[in-house]
């Protein structure tokens, strides 16, 4: 850099030289858009222009012709137009997506209303069954994922799943439950539908591989359970059904939400439909309970169970080789116990055991209070997500507990084909 103090004439020559470099480097950009940093880097005088011109824009205004400056203004305008066109295109796409979503929601509402108007009636057996046993059965049913399709070839033939297979496995589950309880002499059963009864459309991938949408799924399950529970009245004097929401049936897409997480869930609607149906029939054998919380304390057979789908307990990650986050679940269970002790009446918030689904695998985890956290299997079995993402095999099985005066008298794992 020269040590002599440059004059305006020196800057005219220098600016012309730097302008030529700018054109060579940016042939499609007018010289008027040259930046101060580019000029200082390539000028013989660096930032000395400030002593004469003050600002770099003043230097450009004096050195460039009006035509050059006009080209710069035109360039800004064209750039702004391109930007606006891109933003407009994006807005049009978003608007199209919103309209599509609105149409789909309208279709779902129409479908829902049509199905509500079709009420199928099933006979409920009112005959009281004699039993010499005080034992009660507790059947955990979770992770049906109705609507999801698993193609055998895509999971190396370890599983296959669709609506028909779903019904077959559910029928098998209830048939085996009846057979076990008849041998034991049980006349009362509690059935917990513990979340993810439907696959839902919370992710694009699930929508792509579904054979039923959300409304079709809950209407299908409503009819199925109404018929199946009515059939069970031939074998049980009392059938208590609890419908707990899971994470897959949430109505709003995107990340899981906490506010209104139960009522903004298709399974809550399913539960209310089942409850309304059996209340309308005025039967004395079937009672349906739909908690408005993501968890609740259930007392049966002299024991208290904390019942929740499982996602609220967390325990994220793959959980190691087993695919189950044992430590995280134990820690969350202890925290839940502590919270319940602080915010509720002590007697009403105590629990002996915990029942969850969500993890698609049958297991028992010892708890801090001497109880057990029972993890339930699934109806759907292994899918692409569990196999490729989680590196685990989801078990096609459900849990049946036999309770007798404050004790767990039997633990039966019902395996499904």
Protein backbone atom coordinates (compact mmCIF):
# COMPACT_ATOMS: atom_id res chain seq x y z
CA UNK A 1 0.00 0.00 0.00
CA UNK A 2 1.34 3.42 -0.98
CA UNK A 3 2.29 5.78 1.85
CA UNK A 4 1.48 8.98 -0.08
CA UNK A 5 -1.84 10.63 0.59
CA UNK A 6 -4.09 9.86 -2.41
CA UNK A 7 -6.04 12.58 -4.21
CA UNK A 8 -9.44 12.38 -5.88
CA UNK A 9 -7.65 11.85 -9.19
CA UNK A 10 -5.79 8.87 -7.65
CA UNK A 11 -9.10 7.43 -6.45
CA UNK A 12 -10.63 7.79 -9.94
CA UNK A 13 -7.84 5.67 -11.41
CA UNK A 14 -7.92 3.22 -8.50
CA UNK A 15 -11.70 2.85 -8.58
CA UNK A 16 -11.61 2.09 -12.32
CA UNK A 17 -9.04 -0.66 -11.73
CA UNK A 18 -11.02 -2.23 -8.84
CA UNK A 19 -14.25 -2.01 -10.88
CA UNK A 20 -12.66 -4.06 -13.63
CA UNK A 21 -11.72 -6.76 -11.09
CA UNK A 22 -15.27 -6.74 -9.76
CA UNK A 23 -16.69 -7.27 -13.27
CA UNK A 24 -14.30 -10.16 -13.84
CA UNK A 25 -15.32 -11.80 -10.57
CA UNK A 26 -19.05 -11.03 -10.80
CA UNK A 27 -19.91 -10.64 -14.50
CA UNK A 28 -23.68 -10.66 -13.91
CA UNK A 29 -23.68 -8.03 -11.17
CA UNK A 30 -23.55 -4.26 -11.82
CA UNK A 31 -20.54 -2.35 -10.46
CA UNK A 32 -22.87 -0.26 -8.32
CA UNK A 33 -23.36 -3.38 -6.13
CA UNK A 34 -19.65 -3.58 -5.29
CA UNK A 35 -19.22 -3.90 -1.52
CA UNK A 36 -16.93 -1.86 0.69
CA UNK A 37 -15.02 -4.99 1.76
CA UNK A 38 -14.32 -5.96 -1.86
CA UNK A 39 -13.02 -2.47 -2.62
CA UNK A 40 -10.79 -2.29 0.46
CA UNK A 41 -9.33 -5.72 -0.28
CA UNK A 42 -8.48 -4.90 -3.91
CA UNK A 43 -7.72 -1.16 -3.72
CA UNK A 44 -4.22 0.27 -3.62
CA UNK A 45 -5.37 2.64 -0.89
CA UNK A 46 -7.49 0.32 1.27
CA UNK A 47 -9.78 2.29 3.57
CA UNK A 48 -8.12 5.65 2.93
CA UNK A 49 -11.18 6.72 0.90
CA UNK A 50 -12.84 7.64 4.20
CA UNK A 51 -10.58 10.69 4.63
CA UNK A 52 -11.99 12.26 1.44
CA UNK A 53 -15.40 10.68 0.82
CA UNK A 54 -16.45 9.57 4.31
CA UNK A 55 -18.75 6.74 3.34
CA UNK A 56 -18.16 4.16 0.62
CA UNK A 57 -21.55 5.00 -0.96
CA UNK A 58 -20.31 8.61 -1.42
CA UNK A 59 -17.26 7.27 -3.27
CA UNK A 60 -19.46 5.19 -5.59
CA UNK A 61 -21.86 8.06 -6.24
CA UNK A 62 -19.00 10.29 -7.36
CA UNK A 63 -17.07 7.72 -9.40
CA UNK A 64 -19.98 5.98 -11.17
CA UNK A 65 -22.17 7.36 -13.91
CA UNK A 66 -25.90 7.81 -13.44
CA UNK A 67 -26.37 4.89 -15.82
CA UNK A 68 -24.26 2.62 -13.57
CA UNK A 69 -26.23 3.69 -10.51
CA UNK A 70 -29.53 3.05 -12.30
CA UNK A 71 -28.39 -0.47 -13.20
CA UNK A 72 -27.72 -1.04 -9.50
CA UNK A 73 -31.22 0.13 -8.59
CA UNK A 74 -32.73 -2.10 -11.29
CA UNK A 75 -30.69 -5.03 -9.94
CA UNK A 76 -32.11 -4.47 -6.44
CA UNK A 77 -35.61 -4.35 -7.84
CA UNK A 78 -35.18 -7.57 -9.82
CA UNK A 79 -33.69 -9.30 -6.78
CA UNK A 80 -36.63 -8.18 -4.67
CA UNK A 81 -39.08 -9.43 -7.29
CA UNK A 82 -37.40 -12.86 -7.38
CA UNK A 83 -37.51 -13.03 -3.57
CA UNK A 84 -41.18 -12.08 -3.49
CA UNK A 85 -41.99 -14.63 -6.18
CA UNK A 86 -40.25 -17.34 -4.14
CA UNK A 87 -42.13 -16.29 -0.99
CA UNK A 88 -45.39 -16.20 -2.93
CA UNK A 89 -44.76 -19.69 -4.28
CA UNK A 90 -44.10 -20.93 -0.76
CA UNK A 91 -47.27 -19.28 0.53
CA UNK A 92 -49.28 -20.84 -2.30
CA UNK A 93 -47.91 -24.27 -1.38
CA UNK A 94 -48.71 -23.74 2.32
CA UNK A 95 -52.18 -22.55 1.40
CA UNK A 96 -52.66 -25.61 -0.80
CA UNK A 97 -51.55 -27.85 2.06
CA UNK A 98 -53.92 -26.08 4.45
CA UNK A 99 -56.79 -26.44 2.00
CA UNK A 100 -55.95 -30.09 1.52
CA UNK A 101 -55.90 -30.57 5.30
CA UNK A 102 -59.23 -28.78 5.63
CA UNK A 103 -60.77 -30.99 2.96
CA UNK A 104 -59.42 -34.12 4.66
CA UNK A 105 -60.78 -32.96 8.03
CA UNK A 106 -64.18 -32.27 6.44
CA UNK A 107 -64.13 -35.75 4.92
CA UNK A 108 -63.22 -37.28 8.28
CA UNK A 109 -66.02 -35.39 10.03
CA UNK A 110 -68.53 -36.47 7.40
CA UNK A 111 -67.39 -40.07 7.66
CA UNK A 112 -67.58 -39.89 11.45
CA UNK A 113 -71.14 -38.52 11.33
CA UNK A 114 -72.26 -41.15 8.82
CA UNK A 115 -70.98 -43.95 11.02
CA UNK A 116 -72.59 -42.51 14.13
CA UNK A 117 -75.94 -42.76 12.42
CA UNK A 118 -75.46 -46.50 11.91
CA UNK A 119 -75.95 -48.23 15.26
CA UNK A 120 -75.55 -52.00 15.30
CA UNK A 121 -77.19 -53.80 18.20
CA UNK A 122 -75.72 -56.87 19.86
CA UNK A 123 -77.30 -59.10 22.46
CA UNK A 124 -75.90 -58.98 25.98
CA UNK A 125 -76.26 -62.15 28.03
CA UNK A 126 -77.85 -61.23 31.36
CA UNK A 127 -77.58 -64.71 32.85
CA UNK A 128 -75.50 -64.78 36.04
CA UNK A 129 -72.65 -67.28 35.96
CA UNK A 130 -72.05 -69.27 39.13
CA UNK A 131 -68.51 -69.17 40.40
CA UNK A 132 -66.86 -70.51 43.54
CA UNK A 133 -63.76 -68.39 42.98
CA UNK A 134 -62.97 -64.88 44.27
CA UNK A 135 -60.31 -64.50 41.65
CA UNK A 136 -60.45 -61.73 39.06
CA UNK A 137 -58.80 -61.34 35.69
CA UNK A 138 -57.01 -58.26 34.40
CA UNK A 139 -56.33 -58.24 30.65
CA UNK A 140 -53.94 -55.68 29.22
CA UNK A 141 -54.59 -54.81 25.56
CA UNK A 142 -52.28 -52.29 23.93
CA UNK A 143 -50.55 -51.31 20.72
CA UNK A 144 -53.04 -52.72 18.26
CA UNK A 145 -52.04 -50.08 15.68
CA UNK A 146 -55.08 -50.74 13.51
CA UNK A 147 -54.60 -49.07 10.13
CA UNK A 148 -50.90 -49.73 9.79
CA UNK A 149 -49.79 -52.18 7.13
CA UNK A 150 -46.63 -54.27 7.46
CA UNK A 151 -45.60 -56.02 4.25
CA UNK A 152 -43.89 -59.34 4.96
CA UNK A 153 -41.24 -58.95 2.25
CA UNK A 154 -40.14 -55.59 3.69
CA UNK A 155 -39.33 -57.03 7.13
CA UNK A 156 -37.71 -60.25 5.93
CA UNK A 157 -40.94 -62.18 6.61
CA UNK A 158 -40.68 -61.88 10.41
CA UNK A 159 -44.19 -60.39 10.44
CA UNK A 160 -47.15 -59.31 8.34
CA UNK A 161 -49.97 -57.00 9.39
CA UNK A 162 -53.16 -55.46 8.09
CA UNK A 163 -56.79 -55.05 9.13
CA UNK A 164 -57.68 -58.73 8.64
CA UNK A 165 -54.65 -59.97 10.58
CA UNK A 166 -55.46 -57.48 13.32
CA UNK A 167 -58.96 -58.94 13.74
CA UNK A 168 -57.61 -62.50 13.70
CA UNK A 169 -55.12 -61.74 16.48
CA UNK A 170 -57.70 -59.90 18.59
CA UNK A 171 -60.12 -62.82 18.23
CA UNK A 172 -57.34 -65.16 19.24
CA UNK A 173 -56.53 -62.99 22.27
CA UNK A 174 -60.09 -62.99 23.61
CA UNK A 175 -60.60 -66.68 22.83
CA UNK A 176 -57.48 -67.65 24.81
CA UNK A 177 -58.48 -65.29 27.62
CA UNK A 178 -61.86 -67.02 27.94
CA UNK A 179 -60.23 -70.47 27.90
CA UNK A 180 -57.73 -69.55 30.64
CA UNK A 181 -60.29 -67.89 32.89
CA UNK A 182 -62.80 -70.76 32.51
CA UNK A 183 -60.22 -73.22 33.78
CA UNK A 184 -59.34 -70.97 36.72
CA UNK A 185 -62.98 -70.20 37.47
CA UNK A 186 -62.94 -66.43 37.03
CA UNK A 187 -66.27 -64.66 36.55
CA UNK A 188 -65.12 -61.02 36.58
CA UNK A 189 -62.66 -59.40 34.18
CA UNK A 190 -61.13 -55.96 33.82
CA UNK A 191 -59.96 -55.07 30.32
CA UNK A 192 -57.58 -52.16 29.83
CA UNK A 193 -57.31 -50.76 26.32
CA UNK A 194 -53.99 -49.12 27.11
CA UNK A 195 -53.27 -46.89 24.13
CA UNK A 196 -52.23 -46.99 20.49
CA UNK A 197 -55.27 -48.97 19.43
CA UNK A 198 -54.93 -47.17 16.08
CA UNK A 199 -51.90 -46.32 14.00
CA UNK A 200 -53.02 -42.75 13.30
CA UNK A 201 -51.59 -40.21 10.90
CA UNK A 202 -49.14 -38.29 13.09
CA UNK A 203 -46.32 -39.04 10.64
CA UNK A 204 -46.32 -38.97 6.84
CA UNK A 205 -44.80 -42.46 6.79
CA UNK A 206 -47.81 -43.89 8.67
CA UNK A 207 -50.24 -42.22 6.27
CA UNK A 208 -48.44 -43.75 3.28
CA UNK A 209 -48.80 -47.33 4.58
CA UNK A 210 -52.28 -47.28 6.15
CA UNK A 211 -55.35 -49.23 5.06
CA UNK A 212 -57.71 -47.22 7.33
CA UNK A 213 -57.64 -43.56 8.28
CA UNK A 214 -58.17 -42.40 11.88
CA UNK A 215 -61.96 -42.10 11.77
CA UNK A 216 -62.37 -45.38 9.88
CA UNK A 217 -60.13 -47.02 12.48
CA UNK A 218 -62.02 -45.88 15.57
CA UNK A 219 -65.38 -46.65 13.97
CA UNK A 220 -64.14 -50.13 13.04
CA UNK A 221 -62.82 -50.76 16.56
CA UNK A 222 -65.98 -49.38 18.12
CA UNK A 223 -68.07 -51.96 16.23
CA UNK A 224 -65.56 -54.72 16.93
CA UNK A 225 -65.35 -54.09 20.68
CA UNK A 226 -69.09 -53.63 21.06
CA UNK A 227 -69.65 -57.04 19.49
CA UNK A 228 -66.74 -58.70 21.30
CA UNK A 229 -67.59 -57.34 24.76
CA UNK A 230 -71.21 -58.35 24.22
CA UNK A 231 -70.04 -61.89 23.43
CA UNK A 232 -67.93 -61.94 26.60
CA UNK A 233 -71.08 -61.48 28.72
CA UNK A 234 -71.71 -65.20 28.11
CA UNK A 235 -68.61 -65.98 30.17
CA UNK A 236 -68.34 -63.16 32.72
CA UNK A 237 -70.75 -61.58 35.21
CA UNK A 238 -68.87 -58.30 35.22
CA UNK A 239 -66.72 -56.66 32.54
CA UNK A 240 -64.97 -53.39 33.37
CA UNK A 241 -63.31 -51.63 30.44
CA UNK A 242 -60.84 -48.74 30.75
CA UNK A 243 -59.87 -46.81 27.61
CA UNK A 244 -56.51 -45.01 27.98
CA UNK A 245 -55.11 -42.80 25.23
CA UNK A 246 -51.74 -43.41 23.63
CA UNK A 247 -49.43 -41.25 21.56
CA UNK A 248 -50.30 -42.58 18.09
CA UNK A 249 -53.94 -41.55 18.18
CA UNK A 250 -53.38 -37.87 18.88
CA UNK A 251 -55.46 -35.70 16.61
CA UNK A 252 -52.99 -32.87 15.99
CA UNK A 253 -49.92 -33.65 13.90
CA UNK A 254 -46.40 -32.66 14.89
CA UNK A 255 -44.69 -33.02 18.24
CA UNK A 256 -46.55 -34.52 21.20
CA UNK A 257 -48.46 -31.92 23.22
CA UNK A 258 -49.43 -31.76 26.89
CA UNK A 259 -52.45 -29.43 26.94
CA UNK A 260 -55.63 -31.39 26.15
CA UNK A 261 -53.49 -34.42 25.28
CA UNK A 262 -56.35 -36.75 26.26
CA UNK A 263 -59.37 -35.05 24.75
CA UNK A 264 -57.51 -34.20 21.54
CA UNK A 265 -57.04 -37.89 20.89
CA UNK A 266 -59.06 -40.28 18.72
CA UNK A 267 -58.94 -42.96 21.43
CA UNK A 268 -60.77 -40.63 23.81
CA UNK A 269 -63.53 -40.45 21.18
CA UNK A 270 -63.46 -44.24 20.82
CA UNK A 271 -63.81 -44.62 24.58
CA UNK A 272 -66.73 -42.21 24.76
CA UNK A 273 -68.51 -44.04 21.93
CA UNK A 274 -68.13 -47.37 23.72
CA UNK A 275 -69.27 -45.83 26.99
CA UNK A 276 -72.34 -44.23 25.39
CA UNK A 277 -73.29 -47.46 23.62
CA UNK A 278 -73.26 -49.65 26.73
CA UNK A 279 -74.93 -46.97 28.85
CA UNK A 280 -77.71 -46.75 26.26
CA UNK A 281 -78.24 -50.52 26.44
CA UNK A 282 -78.70 -50.17 30.23
CA UNK A 283 -76.85 -53.42 30.81
CA UNK A 284 -75.49 -54.38 34.23
CA UNK A 285 -72.55 -56.42 33.06
CA UNK A 286 -70.40 -53.99 31.05
CA UNK A 287 -69.04 -50.69 32.37
CA UNK A 288 -66.72 -48.44 30.37
CA UNK A 289 -64.44 -45.89 32.02
CA UNK A 290 -62.62 -43.20 30.02
CA UNK A 291 -60.01 -41.33 32.14
CA UNK A 292 -59.46 -37.67 31.28
CA UNK A 293 -55.87 -37.97 32.38
CA UNK A 294 -53.01 -39.76 30.64
CA UNK A 295 -52.71 -41.99 33.71
CA UNK A 296 -54.96 -43.14 36.55
CA UNK A 297 -54.93 -45.39 39.60
CA UNK A 298 -56.99 -48.56 39.14
CA UNK A 299 -57.94 -50.79 42.05
CA UNK A 300 -58.81 -54.40 41.25
CA UNK A 301 -58.50 -57.59 43.23
CA UNK A 302 -57.21 -55.74 46.28
CA UNK A 303 -54.28 -54.19 44.39
CA UNK A 304 -53.70 -50.72 43.01
CA UNK A 305 -52.21 -50.27 39.56
CA UNK A 306 -50.87 -47.09 38.03
CA UNK A 307 -52.15 -47.41 34.46
CA UNK A 308 -50.73 -45.36 31.60
CA UNK A 309 -49.82 -46.01 27.98
CA UNK A 310 -46.12 -45.55 28.69
CA UNK A 311 -45.02 -42.52 26.67
CA UNK A 312 -45.50 -40.21 29.68
CA UNK A 313 -42.93 -42.25 31.61
CA UNK A 314 -40.30 -41.43 29.01
CA UNK A 315 -37.27 -43.62 29.14
CA UNK A 316 -36.13 -42.50 25.71
CA UNK A 317 -33.46 -44.06 23.57
CA UNK A 318 -33.06 -47.56 22.24
CA UNK A 319 -32.67 -48.98 25.76
CA UNK A 320 -29.66 -51.10 24.88
CA UNK A 321 -29.73 -54.59 23.42
CA UNK A 322 -33.16 -55.43 24.84
CA UNK A 323 -34.73 -52.34 23.29
CA UNK A 324 -36.18 -51.41 26.69
CA UNK A 325 -35.01 -48.40 28.74
CA UNK A 326 -35.10 -50.19 32.11
CA UNK A 327 -33.24 -47.54 34.10
CA UNK A 328 -35.19 -44.64 32.60
CA UNK A 329 -38.53 -46.32 33.30
CA UNK A 330 -37.61 -47.11 36.92
CA UNK A 331 -36.46 -43.55 37.46
CA UNK A 332 -39.63 -42.11 35.91
CA UNK A 333 -41.81 -44.43 37.98
CA UNK A 334 -40.11 -43.27 41.18
CA UNK A 335 -40.56 -39.62 40.17
CA UNK A 336 -44.23 -40.23 39.36
CA UNK A 337 -44.73 -41.83 42.76
CA UNK A 338 -43.12 -38.84 44.48
CA UNK A 339 -45.21 -36.34 42.54
CA UNK A 340 -48.43 -38.19 43.35
CA UNK A 341 -47.55 -38.26 47.02
CA UNK A 342 -47.04 -34.50 47.03
CA UNK A 343 -50.07 -33.36 45.03
CA UNK A 344 -52.72 -35.88 46.12
CA UNK A 345 -54.22 -37.55 49.13
CA UNK A 346 -51.67 -40.15 50.17
CA UNK A 347 -54.05 -43.10 50.32
CA UNK A 348 -55.57 -42.27 46.93
CA UNK A 349 -52.27 -41.93 45.11
CA UNK A 350 -50.45 -45.01 46.33
CA UNK A 351 -49.97 -47.86 43.87
CA UNK A 352 -48.56 -51.36 44.07
CA UNK A 353 -47.77 -51.99 40.42
CA UNK A 354 -47.61 -50.20 37.07
CA UNK A 355 -49.16 -51.30 33.76
CA UNK A 356 -47.85 -49.83 30.50
CA UNK A 357 -47.75 -50.59 26.79
CA UNK A 358 -45.90 -48.43 24.25
CA UNK A 359 -42.67 -50.45 24.13
CA UNK A 360 -44.16 -53.43 22.24
CA UNK A 361 -42.36 -55.94 24.42
CA UNK A 362 -43.42 -58.08 27.38
CA UNK A 363 -41.23 -57.63 30.45
CA UNK A 364 -41.24 -57.15 34.22
CA UNK A 365 -39.19 -54.45 35.96
CA UNK A 366 -38.86 -54.49 39.79
CA UNK A 367 -39.92 -51.18 41.36
CA UNK A 368 -38.61 -49.22 44.33
CA UNK A 369 -41.74 -50.05 46.37
CA UNK A 370 -41.47 -53.82 45.94
CA UNK A 371 -43.99 -53.86 43.12
CA UNK A 372 -43.56 -54.56 39.44
CA UNK A 373 -43.75 -52.48 36.29
CA UNK A 374 -45.50 -54.73 33.76
CA UNK A 375 -44.61 -53.95 30.15
CA UNK A 376 -47.16 -55.25 27.68
CA UNK A 377 -46.42 -56.60 24.22
CA UNK A 378 -48.31 -55.62 21.09
CA UNK A 379 -50.88 -56.84 18.63
CA UNK A 380 -49.10 -55.45 15.58
CA UNK A 381 -45.75 -57.13 16.21
CA UNK A 382 -42.53 -56.20 14.41
CA UNK A 383 -42.66 -53.41 11.85
CA UNK A 384 -40.15 -51.42 9.86
CA UNK A 385 -39.59 -48.89 12.66
CA UNK A 386 -38.91 -51.46 15.38
CA UNK A 387 -36.70 -53.57 13.11
CA UNK A 388 -34.63 -50.92 11.33
CA UNK A 389 -34.69 -47.99 13.75
CA UNK A 390 -34.92 -49.63 17.18
CA UNK A 391 -33.14 -52.88 16.21
CA UNK A 392 -35.65 -54.83 18.29
CA UNK A 393 -38.34 -57.43 17.68
CA UNK A 394 -41.78 -56.35 18.88
CA UNK A 395 -43.56 -59.28 20.51
CA UNK A 396 -47.01 -60.40 19.37
CA UNK A 397 -48.33 -61.06 22.83
CA UNK A 398 -50.47 -59.56 25.61
CA UNK A 399 -50.56 -59.90 29.39
CA UNK A 400 -53.30 -61.51 31.48
CA UNK A 401 -53.05 -61.23 35.28
CA UNK A 402 -55.06 -63.32 37.73
CA UNK A 403 -55.70 -61.48 41.01
CA UNK A 404 -56.80 -62.96 44.31
CA UNK A 405 -57.35 -60.93 47.49
CA UNK A 406 -54.42 -58.54 47.16
CA UNK A 407 -52.08 -60.97 45.41
CA UNK A 408 -51.11 -61.68 41.82
CA UNK A 409 -52.00 -65.35 41.61
CA UNK A 410 -51.03 -65.80 37.97
CA UNK A 411 -49.18 -64.06 35.15
CA UNK A 412 -50.07 -65.34 31.72
CA UNK A 413 -48.41 -64.18 28.52
CA UNK A 414 -50.86 -64.79 25.69
CA UNK A 415 -48.91 -65.36 22.49
CA UNK A 416 -50.51 -64.53 19.15
CA UNK A 417 -49.91 -65.89 15.64
